[in-house]
Amino acid sequence: MKIIWTAHASDRQREWQKKLGITRPDVEALLWSPEQVVPGDRGIRVAQGRRDNGLLRVAFIDVEGNRKIVTVYWTTKVAKYWQEG
C-alpha cells in the first residue's frame, strides 16, 4: 500500500507542522497504525490518534489498494470525534 498526498493535505500538514510540530512522518505513521478509524462523509474514512491534549485526524480514501490523504488536522474536540467501544 502506498500513501498518496493531495496538494491540500500537504499544505495542511505544513501548517500544522508550524503550529504543533506535526511532521509528514507523524501523519504517515498514524495512517499506517491508527488508534482508531471512523467513517467520515461521502465514503471518506478518518484515521485518528490522540496527540498532546487533542486528536490528530487524517481523512483518507482507498484508491486501488493505496491510501489517498484528503486532509490533515488536529483538534481539541476529542469527545466529539472519538468513538468509544
PDB file of N, CA and C in Angstrom:
ATOM      1  N   MET A   1       0.844  -1.181   0.000  1.00  0.00           N
ATOM      2  CA  MET A   1       0.000   0.000   0.000  1.00  0.00           C
ATOM      3  C   MET A   1       0.888   1.242   0.000  1.00  0.00           C
ATOM      4  N   LYS A   2       0.543   2.162  -0.835  1.00  0.00           N
ATOM      5  CA  LYS A   2       1.284   3.418  -0.955  1.00  0.00           C
ATOM      6  C   LYS A   2       0.405   4.548  -0.405  1.00  0.00           C
ATOM      7  N   ILE A   3       1.046   5.545   0.162  1.00  0.00           N
ATOM      8  CA  ILE A   3       0.313   6.713   0.648  1.00  0.00           C
ATOM      9  C   ILE A   3       0.445   7.825  -0.386  1.00  0.00           C
ATOM     10  N   ILE A   4      -0.692   8.343  -0.804  1.00  0.00           N
ATOM     11  CA  ILE A   4      -0.729   9.416  -1.797  1.00  0.00           C
ATOM     12  C   ILE A   4      -1.189  10.693  -1.095  1.00  0.00           C
ATOM     13  N   TRP A   5      -0.406  11.737  -1.223  1.00  0.00           N
ATOM     14  CA  TRP A   5      -0.741  13.030  -0.609  1.00  0.00           C
ATOM     15  C   TRP A   5      -1.388  13.937  -1.657  1.00  0.00           C
ATOM     16  N   THR A   6      -2.540  14.529  -1.311  1.00  0.00           N
ATOM     17  CA  THR A   6      -3.096  15.569  -2.171  1.00  0.00           C
ATOM     18  C   THR A   6      -2.349  16.874  -1.849  1.00  0.00           C
ATOM     19  N   ALA A   7      -2.435  17.832  -2.744  1.00  0.00           N
ATOM     20  CA  ALA A   7      -1.788  19.131  -2.506  1.00  0.00           C
ATOM     21  C   ALA A   7      -2.387  19.783  -1.260  1.00  0.00           C
ATOM     22  N   HIS A   8      -3.709  19.663  -1.114  1.00  0.00           N
ATOM     23  CA  HIS A   8      -4.367  20.245   0.056  1.00  0.00           C
ATOM     24  C   HIS A   8      -3.841  19.620   1.350  1.00  0.00           C
ATOM     25  N   ALA A   9      -3.740  18.289   1.372  1.00  0.00           N
ATOM     26  CA  ALA A   9      -3.257  17.604   2.580  1.00  0.00           C
ATOM     27  C   ALA A   9      -1.820  18.023   2.896  1.00  0.00           C
ATOM     28  N   SER A  10      -0.992  18.156   1.881  1.00  0.00           N
ATOM     29  CA  SER A  10       0.397  18.599   2.104  1.00  0.00           C
ATOM     30  C   SER A  10       0.432  20.007   2.682  1.00  0.00           C
ATOM     31  N   ASP A  11      -0.402  20.883   2.134  1.00  0.00           N
ATOM     32  CA  ASP A  11      -0.465  22.261   2.652  1.00  0.00           C
ATOM     33  C   ASP A  11      -0.900  22.269   4.111  1.00  0.00           C
ATOM     34  N   ARG A  12      -1.939  21.488   4.401  1.00  0.00           N
ATOM     35  CA  ARG A  12      -2.453  21.458   5.777  1.00  0.00           C
ATOM     36  C   ARG A  12      -1.409  20.885   6.739  1.00  0.00           C
ATOM     37  N   GLN A  13      -0.697  19.846   6.318  1.00  0.00           N
ATOM     38  CA  GLN A  13       0.339  19.259   7.185  1.00  0.00           C
ATOM     39  C   GLN A  13       1.417  20.289   7.476  1.00  0.00           C
ATOM     40  N   ARG A  14       1.828  21.039   6.491  1.00  0.00           N
ATOM     41  CA  ARG A  14       2.870  22.064   6.716  1.00  0.00           C
ATOM     42  C   ARG A  14       2.371  23.130   7.702  1.00  0.00           C
ATOM     43  N   GLU A  15       1.096  23.483   7.601  1.00  0.00           N
ATOM     44  CA  GLU A  15       0.538  24.454   8.552  1.00  0.00           C
ATOM     45  C   GLU A  15       0.570  23.895   9.978  1.00  0.00           C
ATOM     46  N   TRP A  16       0.189  22.630  10.131  1.00  0.00           N
ATOM     47  CA  TRP A  16       0.191  22.022  11.461  1.00  0.00           C
ATOM     48  C   TRP A  16       1.610  21.789  11.960  1.00  0.00           C
ATOM     49  N   GLN A  17       2.546  21.600  11.056  1.00  0.00           N
ATOM     50  CA  GLN A  17       3.946  21.455  11.492  1.00  0.00           C
ATOM     51  C   GLN A  17       4.437  22.766  12.095  1.00  0.00           C
ATOM     52  N   LYS A  18       4.059  23.886  11.490  1.00  0.00           N
ATOM     53  CA  LYS A  18       4.458  25.187  12.038  1.00  0.00           C
ATOM     54  C   LYS A  18       3.819  25.433  13.401  1.00  0.00           C
ATOM     55  N   LYS A  19       2.542  25.041  13.545  1.00  0.00           N
ATOM     56  CA  LYS A  19       1.815  25.303  14.787  1.00  0.00           C
ATOM     57  C   LYS A  19       2.169  24.327  15.907  1.00  0.00           C
ATOM     58  N   LEU A  20       2.218  23.017  15.577  1.00  0.00           N
ATOM     59  CA  LEU A  20       2.338  21.990  16.619  1.00  0.00           C
ATOM     60  C   LEU A  20       3.451  20.978  16.384  1.00  0.00           C
ATOM     61  N   GLY A  21       4.208  21.156  15.313  1.00  0.00           N
ATOM     62  CA  GLY A  21       5.301  20.219  15.049  1.00  0.00           C
ATOM     63  C   GLY A  21       4.858  18.888  14.468  1.00  0.00           C
ATOM     64  N   ILE A  22       3.678  18.843  13.872  1.00  0.00           N
ATOM     65  CA  ILE A  22       3.181  17.597  13.270  1.00  0.00           C
ATOM     66  C   ILE A  22       3.859  17.417  11.916  1.00  0.00           C
ATOM     67  N   THR A  23       4.706  16.394  11.846  1.00  0.00           N
ATOM     68  CA  THR A  23       5.504  16.174  10.632  1.00  0.00           C
ATOM     69  C   THR A  23       4.787  15.233   9.659  1.00  0.00           C
ATOM     70  N   ARG A  24       5.310  15.213   8.474  1.00  0.00           N
ATOM     71  CA  ARG A  24       4.791  14.285   7.452  1.00  0.00           C
ATOM     72  C   ARG A  24       4.935  12.822   7.926  1.00  0.00           C
ATOM     73  N   PRO A  25       6.111  12.430   8.490  1.00  0.00           N
ATOM     74  CA  PRO A  25       6.199  11.062   9.030  1.00  0.00           C
ATOM     75  C   PRO A  25       5.201  10.791  10.159  1.00  0.00           C
ATOM     76  N   ASP A  26       4.884  11.808  10.970  1.00  0.00           N
ATOM     77  CA  ASP A  26       3.855  11.626  12.014  1.00  0.00           C
ATOM     78  C   ASP A  26       2.514  11.247  11.385  1.00  0.00           C
ATOM     79  N   VAL A  27       2.166  11.952  10.327  1.00  0.00           N
ATOM     80  CA  VAL A  27       0.883  11.706   9.654  1.00  0.00           C
ATOM     81  C   VAL A  27       0.878  10.319   9.020  1.00  0.00           C
ATOM     82  N   GLU A  28       1.965   9.979   8.355  1.00  0.00           N
ATOM     83  CA  GLU A  28       2.018   8.673   7.694  1.00  0.00           C
ATOM     84  C   GLU A  28       2.032   7.537   8.722  1.00  0.00           C
ATOM     85  N   ALA A  29       2.700   7.744   9.857  1.00  0.00           N
ATOM     86  CA  ALA A  29       2.708   6.727  10.910  1.00  0.00           C
ATOM     87  C   ALA A  29       1.292   6.500  11.445  1.00  0.00           C
ATOM     88  N   LEU A  30       0.551   7.580  11.602  1.00  0.00           N
ATOM     89  CA  LEU A  30      -0.831   7.449  12.065  1.00  0.00           C
ATOM     90  C   LEU A  30      -1.665   6.691  11.038  1.00  0.00           C
ATOM     91  N   LEU A  31      -1.436   6.978   9.775  1.00  0.00           N
ATOM     92  CA  LEU A  31      -2.200   6.293   8.733  1.00  0.00           C
ATOM     93  C   LEU A  31      -1.858   4.801   8.665  1.00  0.00           C
ATOM     94  N   TRP A  32      -0.613   4.452   8.933  1.00  0.00           N
ATOM     95  CA  TRP A  32      -0.208   3.045   8.941  1.00  0.00           C
ATOM     96  C   TRP A  32      -0.736   2.314  10.161  1.00  0.00           C
ATOM     97  N   SER A  33      -0.780   3.016  11.289  1.00  0.00           N
ATOM     98  CA  SER A  33      -1.172   2.367  12.533  1.00  0.00           C
ATOM     99  C   SER A  33      -2.055   3.292  13.374  1.00  0.00           C
ATOM    100  N   PRO A  34      -3.292   3.517  12.922  1.00  0.00           N
ATOM    101  CA  PRO A  34      -4.172   4.447  13.656  1.00  0.00           C
ATOM    102  C   PRO A  34      -4.683   3.835  14.953  1.00  0.00           C
ATOM    103  N   GLU A  35      -4.936   4.699  15.915  1.00  0.00           N
ATOM    104  CA  GLU A  35      -5.598   4.215  17.126  1.00  0.00           C
ATOM    105  C   GLU A  35      -7.034   3.830  16.794  1.00  0.00           C
ATOM    106  N   GLN A  36      -7.600   4.564  15.830  1.00  0.00           N
ATOM    107  CA  GLN A  36      -8.999   4.350  15.506  1.00  0.00           C
ATOM    108  C   GLN A  36      -9.251   4.847  14.080  1.00  0.00           C
ATOM    109  N   VAL A  37     -10.139   4.172  13.363  1.00  0.00           N
ATOM    110  CA  VAL A  37     -10.600   4.639  12.052  1.00  0.00           C
ATOM    111  C   VAL A  37     -12.115   4.772  12.134  1.00  0.00           C
ATOM    112  N   VAL A  38     -12.614   5.964  11.810  1.00  0.00           N
ATOM    113  CA  VAL A  38     -14.056   6.209  11.893  1.00  0.00           C
ATOM    114  C   VAL A  38     -14.558   6.656  10.524  1.00  0.00           C
ATOM    115  N   PRO A  39     -15.837   6.417  10.254  1.00  0.00           N
ATOM    116  CA  PRO A  39     -16.379   6.857   8.965  1.00  0.00           C
ATOM    117  C   PRO A  39     -16.547   8.367   8.927  1.00  0.00           C
ATOM    118  N   GLY A  40     -16.268   8.933   7.755  1.00  0.00           N
ATOM    119  CA  GLY A  40     -16.489  10.358   7.532  1.00  0.00           C
ATOM    120  C   GLY A  40     -17.614  10.541   6.527  1.00  0.00           C
ATOM    121  N   ASP A  41     -17.674  11.667   5.888  1.00  0.00           N
ATOM    122  CA  ASP A  41     -18.700  11.950   4.889  1.00  0.00           C
ATOM    123  C   ASP A  41     -18.292  11.394   3.530  1.00  0.00           C
ATOM    124  N   ARG A  42     -19.271  11.027   2.747  1.00  0.00           N
ATOM    125  CA  ARG A  42     -19.105  10.628   1.343  1.00  0.00           C
ATOM    126  C   ARG A  42     -18.019   9.568   1.116  1.00  0.00           C
ATOM    127  N   GLY A  43     -18.019   8.551   1.960  1.00  0.00           N
ATOM    128  CA  GLY A  43     -17.093   7.443   1.769  1.00  0.00           C
ATOM    129  C   GLY A  43     -15.684   7.687   2.277  1.00  0.00           C
ATOM    130  N   ILE A  44     -15.440   8.848   2.818  1.00  0.00           N
ATOM    131  CA  ILE A  44     -14.126   9.159   3.383  1.00  0.00           C
ATOM    132  C   ILE A  44     -14.040   8.520   4.766  1.00  0.00           C
ATOM    133  N   ARG A  45     -12.887   7.976   5.080  1.00  0.00           N
ATOM    134  CA  ARG A  45     -12.645   7.455   6.420  1.00  0.00           C
ATOM    135  C   ARG A  45     -11.597   8.342   7.086  1.00  0.00           C
ATOM    136  N   VAL A  46     -11.603   8.317   8.402  1.00  0.00           N
ATOM    137  CA  VAL A  46     -10.701   9.182   9.159  1.00  0.00           C
ATOM    138  C   VAL A  46      -9.892   8.342  10.139  1.00  0.00           C
ATOM    139  N   ALA A  47      -8.580   8.325   9.932  1.00  0.00           N
ATOM    140  CA  ALA A  47      -7.667   7.701  10.894  1.00  0.00           C
ATOM    141  C   ALA A  47      -7.393   8.744  11.967  1.00  0.00           C
ATOM    142  N   GLN A  48      -7.438   8.329  13.211  1.00  0.00           N
ATOM    143  CA  GLN A  48      -7.206   9.314  14.257  1.00  0.00           C
ATOM    144  C   GLN A  48      -6.434   8.715  15.420  1.00  0.00           C
ATOM    145  N   GLY A  49      -5.689   9.609  16.059  1.00  0.00           N
ATOM    146  CA  GLY A  49      -4.910   9.207  17.210  1.00  0.00           C
ATOM    147  C   GLY A  49      -4.751  10.390  18.145  1.00  0.00           C
ATOM    148  N   ARG A  50      -4.712  10.109  19.441  1.00  0.00           N
ATOM    149  CA  ARG A  50      -4.561  11.163  20.442  1.00  0.00           C
ATOM    150  C   ARG A  50      -3.127  11.686  20.432  1.00  0.00           C
ATOM    151  N   ARG A  51      -3.012  12.979  20.497  1.00  0.00           N
ATOM    152  CA  ARG A  51      -1.705  13.623  20.472  1.00  0.00           C
ATOM    153  C   ARG A  51      -1.783  14.871  21.334  1.00  0.00           C
ATOM    154  N   ASP A  52      -0.825  15.005  22.243  1.00  0.00           N
ATOM    155  CA  ASP A  52      -0.845  16.116  23.205  1.00  0.00           C
ATOM    156  C   ASP A  52      -2.203  16.122  23.902  1.00  0.00           C
ATOM    157  N   ASN A  53      -2.885  17.236  23.905  1.00  0.00           N
ATOM    158  CA  ASN A  53      -4.205  17.300  24.542  1.00  0.00           C
ATOM    159  C   ASN A  53      -5.331  17.264  23.517  1.00  0.00           C
ATOM    160  N   GLY A  54      -5.044  16.730  22.343  1.00  0.00           N
ATOM    161  CA  GLY A  54      -6.044  16.731  21.283  1.00  0.00           C
ATOM    162  C   GLY A  54      -6.020  15.468  20.463  1.00  0.00           C
ATOM    163  N   LEU A  55      -6.505  15.615  19.252  1.00  0.00           N
ATOM    164  CA  LEU A  55      -6.679  14.474  18.362  1.00  0.00           C
ATOM    165  C   LEU A  55      -6.158  14.843  16.974  1.00  0.00           C
ATOM    166  N   LEU A  56      -5.224  14.040  16.464  1.00  0.00           N
ATOM    167  CA  LEU A  56      -4.758  14.214  15.094  1.00  0.00           C
ATOM    168  C   LEU A  56      -5.668  13.384  14.203  1.00  0.00           C
ATOM    169  N   ARG A  57      -6.239  14.015  13.179  1.00  0.00           N
ATOM    170  CA  ARG A  57      -7.187  13.329  12.299  1.00  0.00           C
ATOM    171  C   ARG A  57      -6.676  13.386  10.862  1.00  0.00           C
ATOM    172  N   VAL A  58      -6.680  12.247  10.199  1.00  0.00           N
ATOM    173  CA  VAL A  58      -6.215  12.149   8.816  1.00  0.00           C
ATOM    174  C   VAL A  58      -7.351  11.544   7.994  1.00  0.00           C
ATOM    175  N   ALA A  59      -7.986  12.374   7.188  1.00  0.00           N
ATOM    176  CA  ALA A  59      -9.078  11.904   6.333  1.00  0.00           C
ATOM    177  C   ALA A  59      -8.478  11.299   5.066  1.00  0.00           C
ATOM    178  N   PHE A  60      -8.972  10.104   4.711  1.00  0.00           N
ATOM    179  CA  PHE A  60      -8.394   9.422   3.553  1.00  0.00           C
ATOM    180  C   PHE A  60      -9.443   8.598   2.821  1.00  0.00           C
ATOM    181  N   ILE A  61      -9.099   8.244   1.587  1.00  0.00           N
ATOM    182  CA  ILE A  61      -9.901   7.305   0.811  1.00  0.00           C
ATOM    183  C   ILE A  61      -8.965   6.239   0.270  1.00  0.00           C
ATOM    184  N   ASP A  62      -9.499   5.048   0.082  1.00  0.00           N
ATOM    185  CA  ASP A  62      -8.724   3.973  -0.524  1.00  0.00           C
ATOM    186  C   ASP A  62      -8.891   4.055  -2.035  1.00  0.00           C
ATOM    187  N   VAL A  63      -7.768   4.026  -2.733  1.00  0.00           N
ATOM    188  CA  VAL A  63      -7.777   4.118  -4.191  1.00  0.00           C
ATOM    189  C   VAL A  63      -6.862   3.027  -4.743  1.00  0.00           C
ATOM    190  N   GLU A  64      -7.466   2.027  -5.339  1.00  0.00           N
ATOM    191  CA  GLU A  64      -6.711   0.955  -5.989  1.00  0.00           C
ATOM    192  C   GLU A  64      -5.626   0.382  -5.071  1.00  0.00           C
ATOM    193  N   GLY A  65      -5.996   0.073  -3.840  1.00  0.00           N
ATOM    194  CA  GLY A  65      -5.069  -0.544  -2.901  1.00  0.00           C
ATOM    195  C   GLY A  65      -4.136   0.432  -2.205  1.00  0.00           C
ATOM    196  N   ASN A  66      -4.276   1.701  -2.494  1.00  0.00           N
ATOM    197  CA  ASN A  66      -3.452   2.731  -1.849  1.00  0.00           C
ATOM    198  C   ASN A  66      -4.344   3.624  -0.991  1.00  0.00           C
ATOM    199  N   ARG A  67      -3.711   4.416  -0.128  1.00  0.00           N
ATOM    200  CA  ARG A  67      -4.463   5.358   0.685  1.00  0.00           C
ATOM    201  C   ARG A  67      -4.131   6.782   0.251  1.00  0.00           C
ATOM    202  N   LYS A  68      -5.173   7.523  -0.102  1.00  0.00           N
ATOM    203  CA  LYS A  68      -5.003   8.902  -0.549  1.00  0.00           C
ATOM    204  C   LYS A  68      -5.465   9.830   0.570  1.00  0.00           C
ATOM    205  N   ILE A  69      -4.548  10.659   1.051  1.00  0.00           N
ATOM    206  CA  ILE A  69      -4.863  11.571   2.151  1.00  0.00           C
ATOM    207  C   ILE A  69      -5.600  12.780   1.600  1.00  0.00           C
ATOM    208  N   VAL A  70      -6.787  13.009   2.135  1.00  0.00           N
ATOM    209  CA  VAL A  70      -7.623  14.125   1.691  1.00  0.00           C
ATOM    210  C   VAL A  70      -7.281  15.396   2.463  1.00  0.00           C
ATOM    211  N   THR A  71      -7.166  15.256   3.788  1.00  0.00           N
ATOM    212  CA  THR A  71      -6.784  16.404   4.611  1.00  0.00           C
ATOM    213  C   THR A  71      -6.234  15.910   5.942  1.00  0.00           C
ATOM    214  N   VAL A  72      -5.614  16.820   6.645  1.00  0.00           N
ATOM    215  CA  VAL A  72      -4.996  16.534   7.939  1.00  0.00           C
ATOM    216  C   VAL A  72      -5.341  17.674   8.876  1.00  0.00           C
ATOM    217  N   TYR A  73      -5.763  17.343  10.086  1.00  0.00           N
ATOM    218  CA  TYR A  73      -5.932  18.404  11.070  1.00  0.00           C
ATOM    219  C   TYR A  73      -5.859  17.861  12.479  1.00  0.00           C
ATOM    220  N   TRP A  74      -5.644  18.789  13.382  1.00  0.00           N
ATOM    221  CA  TRP A  74      -5.575  18.484  14.806  1.00  0.00           C
ATOM    222  C   TRP A  74      -6.682  19.264  15.476  1.00  0.00           C
ATOM    223  N   THR A  75      -7.323  18.661  16.472  1.00  0.00           N
ATOM    224  CA  THR A  75      -8.419  19.330  17.166  1.00  0.00           C
ATOM    225  C   THR A  75      -8.377  19.013  18.655  1.00  0.00           C
ATOM    226  N   THR A  76      -8.922  19.907  19.429  1.00  0.00           N
ATOM    227  CA  THR A  76      -9.062  19.648  20.869  1.00  0.00           C
ATOM    228  C   THR A  76     -10.405  18.984  21.178  1.00  0.00           C
ATOM    229  N   LYS A  77     -11.253  18.840  20.163  1.00  0.00           N
ATOM    230  CA  LYS A  77     -12.593  18.277  20.354  1.00  0.00           C
ATOM    231  C   LYS A  77     -12.563  16.746  20.328  1.00  0.00           C
ATOM    232  N   VAL A  78     -11.810  16.190  21.259  1.00  0.00           N
ATOM    233  CA  VAL A  78     -11.631  14.737  21.308  1.00  0.00           C
ATOM    234  C   VAL A  78     -12.974  14.037  21.542  1.00  0.00           C
ATOM    235  N   ALA A  79     -13.755  14.522  22.493  1.00  0.00           N
ATOM    236  CA  ALA A  79     -15.025  13.870  22.816  1.00  0.00           C
ATOM    237  C   ALA A  79     -15.983  13.873  21.632  1.00  0.00           C
ATOM    238  N   LYS A  80     -15.891  14.879  20.781  1.00  0.00           N
ATOM    239  CA  LYS A  80     -16.774  14.969  19.613  1.00  0.00           C
ATOM    240  C   LYS A  80     -16.471  13.878  18.594  1.00  0.00           C
ATOM    241  N   TYR A  81     -15.195  13.568  18.419  1.00  0.00           N
ATOM    242  CA  TYR A  81     -14.804  12.666  17.334  1.00  0.00           C
ATOM    243  C   TYR A  81     -14.434  11.251  17.768  1.00  0.00           C
ATOM    244  N   TRP A  82     -14.005  11.090  19.022  1.00  0.00           N
ATOM    245  CA  TRP A  82     -13.561   9.768  19.458  1.00  0.00           C
ATOM    246  C   TRP A  82     -14.771   8.875  19.671  1.00  0.00           C
ATOM    247  N   GLN A  83     -14.724   7.676  19.128  1.00  0.00           N
ATOM    248  CA  GLN A  83     -15.844   6.753  19.278  1.00  0.00           C
ATOM    249  C   GLN A  83     -15.448   5.643  20.235  1.00  0.00           C
ATOM    250  N   GLU A  84     -16.153   5.577  21.335  1.00  0.00           N
ATOM    251  CA  GLU A  84     -15.874   4.557  22.347  1.00  0.00           C
ATOM    252  C   GLU A  84     -16.446   3.212  21.922  1.00  0.00           C
ATOM    253  N   GLY A  85     -15.723   2.189  22.326  1.00  0.00           N
ATOM    254  CA  GLY A  85     -16.082   0.833  22.206  1.00  0.00           C
ATOM    255  C   GLY A  85     -16.907   0.343  21.137  1.00  0.00           C
TER     256      GLY A  85
END
